[in-house]
Amino acid sequence: MLARHLERWQKAGVFDQMHRVLLAELNAAGELDWSRACGRFPRPRERGGADTGPSPVDRRKTGSKHHLICDGRGTPFKVITTAADVNDVTQTLALVDGIPPVAGRRGRPRRRPEALLGDKGYDSNPDRDVLCRRRILKTRP
């Protein structure tokens, strides 16, 4: 019964709205570090569901991977779930574009970090060019 309610709330956007409110409150308190954002991903999970695909670790099993982008202090801005066999580099721009407008300070809501840190899996020359045009510095840690 609880799972049904959680699924209904997810579809209605309740959790996305709560995330935006929390980000706005953190931004108003000066707790978000916009100087850099970090792209991370944990190991693929071996679970079922719509976003699963072949696991790169064990070809017999399916799995999913969670890509996320965080501020400089580790606060998550955006999470994307993909099949486990999806290359990380394909999600770089989707993560950056998925950062919601964060209110909480005077002026326009902020959506863009000054720099993006990521490991080699998220690095490609076309993405560097796009990020450069958006005035986001792309570096590796």
Protein backbone atom coordinates (compact mmCIF):
# COMPACT_ATOMS: atom_id res chain seq x y z
CA MET A 1 0.00 0.00 0.00
CA LEU A 2 2.80 2.43 0.87
CA ALA A 3 4.59 1.64 -2.41
CA ARG A 4 1.44 2.61 -4.31
CA HIS A 5 1.30 5.99 -2.53
CA LEU A 6 5.01 6.61 -3.13
CA GLU A 7 4.59 5.83 -6.82
CA ARG A 8 1.59 8.17 -7.04
CA TRP A 9 3.54 10.96 -5.32
CA GLN A 10 6.49 10.41 -7.66
CA LYS A 11 4.25 10.70 -10.72
CA ALA A 12 2.63 13.84 -9.28
CA GLY A 13 6.04 15.48 -8.82
CA VAL A 14 5.87 15.74 -5.03
CA PHE A 15 9.48 14.66 -4.51
CA ASP A 16 10.82 16.99 -7.22
CA GLN A 17 8.99 19.91 -5.62
CA MET A 18 10.34 19.01 -2.17
CA HIS A 19 13.85 18.83 -3.63
CA ARG A 20 13.49 22.31 -5.16
CA VAL A 21 12.23 23.76 -1.87
CA LEU A 22 15.15 22.23 0.04
CA LEU A 23 17.66 23.52 -2.54
CA ALA A 24 16.13 27.02 -2.30
CA GLU A 25 16.41 27.00 1.49
CA LEU A 26 20.03 25.82 1.34
CA ASN A 27 20.81 28.48 -1.27
CA ALA A 28 19.19 31.21 0.84
CA ALA A 29 21.35 30.14 3.79
CA GLY A 30 24.49 30.22 1.62
CA GLU A 31 25.01 26.47 2.00
CA LEU A 32 25.33 25.59 -1.71
CA ASP A 33 28.78 25.71 -3.30
CA TRP A 34 28.27 26.88 -6.89
CA SER A 35 32.02 27.18 -7.56
CA ARG A 36 32.14 23.56 -8.68
CA ALA A 37 29.81 20.65 -9.33
CA CYS A 38 30.83 17.02 -9.21
CA GLY A 39 29.52 14.26 -11.44
CA ARG A 40 29.46 10.89 -9.70
CA PHE A 41 28.00 7.46 -10.12
CA PRO A 42 27.86 4.52 -7.75
CA ARG A 43 28.30 0.91 -8.86
CA PRO A 44 25.46 -0.49 -10.98
CA ARG A 45 22.67 -2.00 -8.91
CA GLU A 46 21.23 -5.39 -9.69
CA ARG A 47 17.52 -4.69 -9.52
CA GLY A 48 14.63 -5.04 -11.90
CA GLY A 49 12.47 -2.28 -13.32
CA ALA A 50 11.99 -0.17 -16.43
CA ASP A 51 15.46 1.38 -16.34
CA THR A 52 17.45 -1.85 -16.20
CA GLY A 53 19.81 -3.22 -18.80
CA PRO A 54 22.69 -5.68 -19.08
CA SER A 55 25.16 -5.36 -16.22
CA PRO A 56 28.73 -4.58 -17.32
CA VAL A 57 29.98 -6.54 -14.29
CA ASP A 58 27.97 -9.75 -14.70
CA ARG A 59 26.53 -10.21 -18.18
CA ARG A 60 23.86 -12.66 -16.99
CA LYS A 61 22.14 -10.13 -14.74
CA THR A 62 20.36 -6.86 -15.37
CA GLY A 63 21.06 -3.71 -13.42
CA SER A 64 20.71 0.05 -13.27
CA LYS A 65 23.10 2.92 -12.68
CA HIS A 66 22.42 6.20 -10.89
CA HIS A 67 24.25 9.21 -12.32
CA LEU A 68 24.21 12.30 -10.14
CA ILE A 69 25.57 15.82 -10.09
CA CYS A 70 26.29 17.48 -6.75
CA ASP A 71 27.43 20.90 -5.61
CA GLY A 72 30.92 21.37 -4.18
CA ARG A 73 29.75 20.20 -0.75
CA GLY A 74 28.01 17.05 -2.00
CA THR A 75 24.39 18.25 -2.08
CA PRO A 76 22.67 16.49 -5.01
CA PHE A 77 21.27 18.70 -7.76
CA LYS A 78 20.04 16.02 -10.16
CA VAL A 79 19.90 12.22 -10.32
CA ILE A 80 19.36 10.19 -13.50
CA THR A 81 18.76 6.44 -13.52
CA THR A 82 19.87 4.50 -16.59
CA ALA A 83 20.49 0.90 -17.55
CA ALA A 84 23.79 -0.41 -16.18
CA ASP A 85 25.40 -0.64 -19.62
CA VAL A 86 24.87 3.05 -20.56
CA ASN A 87 28.14 4.96 -21.01
CA ASP A 88 28.67 7.72 -18.46
CA VAL A 89 29.72 10.29 -21.05
CA THR A 90 26.24 10.21 -22.60
CA GLN A 91 24.77 11.60 -19.36
CA THR A 92 27.09 14.59 -18.77
CA LEU A 93 24.98 17.22 -20.51
CA ALA A 94 21.73 15.66 -19.30
CA LEU A 95 22.94 16.06 -15.72
CA VAL A 96 24.01 19.68 -16.24
CA ASP A 97 20.78 20.52 -18.07
CA GLY A 98 18.77 18.76 -15.37
CA ILE A 99 19.89 21.10 -12.58
CA PRO A 100 16.64 22.79 -11.57
CA PRO A 101 16.44 26.57 -11.22
CA VAL A 102 17.45 27.18 -7.59
CA ALA A 103 15.80 30.20 -5.99
CA GLY A 104 16.48 31.54 -2.51
CA ARG A 105 18.60 34.57 -3.38
CA ARG A 106 17.91 37.87 -5.10
CA GLY A 107 17.84 37.81 -8.86
CA ARG A 108 17.24 35.03 -11.32
CA PRO A 109 17.29 31.48 -9.97
CA ARG A 110 20.67 29.88 -10.54
CA ARG A 111 21.08 26.77 -12.74
CA ARG A 112 24.75 26.61 -13.65
CA PRO A 113 27.91 25.88 -11.65
CA GLU A 114 31.17 27.67 -12.43
CA ALA A 115 33.11 24.43 -12.99
CA LEU A 116 32.29 20.77 -13.49
CA LEU A 117 34.53 18.08 -12.03
CA GLY A 118 34.19 14.53 -13.27
CA ASP A 119 36.20 11.40 -13.81
CA LYS A 120 37.36 10.15 -17.19
CA GLY A 121 34.06 8.36 -17.78
CA TYR A 122 32.25 11.71 -18.09
CA ASP A 123 34.90 13.39 -20.27
CA SER A 124 34.67 14.02 -24.03
CA ASN A 125 35.78 16.81 -26.35
CA PRO A 126 32.25 17.56 -27.69
CA ASP A 127 30.96 17.92 -24.12
CA ARG A 128 33.90 20.19 -23.24
CA ASP A 129 33.02 22.43 -26.20
CA VAL A 130 29.35 22.66 -25.19
CA LEU A 131 30.25 23.39 -21.56
CA CYS A 132 32.78 26.02 -22.67
CA ARG A 133 30.06 27.80 -24.68
CA ARG A 134 27.93 27.78 -21.53
CA ARG A 135 30.87 29.30 -19.58
CA ILE A 136 31.33 26.16 -17.44
CA LEU A 137 34.91 25.04 -16.90
CA LYS A 138 35.34 21.24 -17.30
CA THR A 139 38.14 19.64 -15.32
CA ARG A 140 39.08 16.26 -13.91
CA PRO A 141 39.80 15.88 -10.17
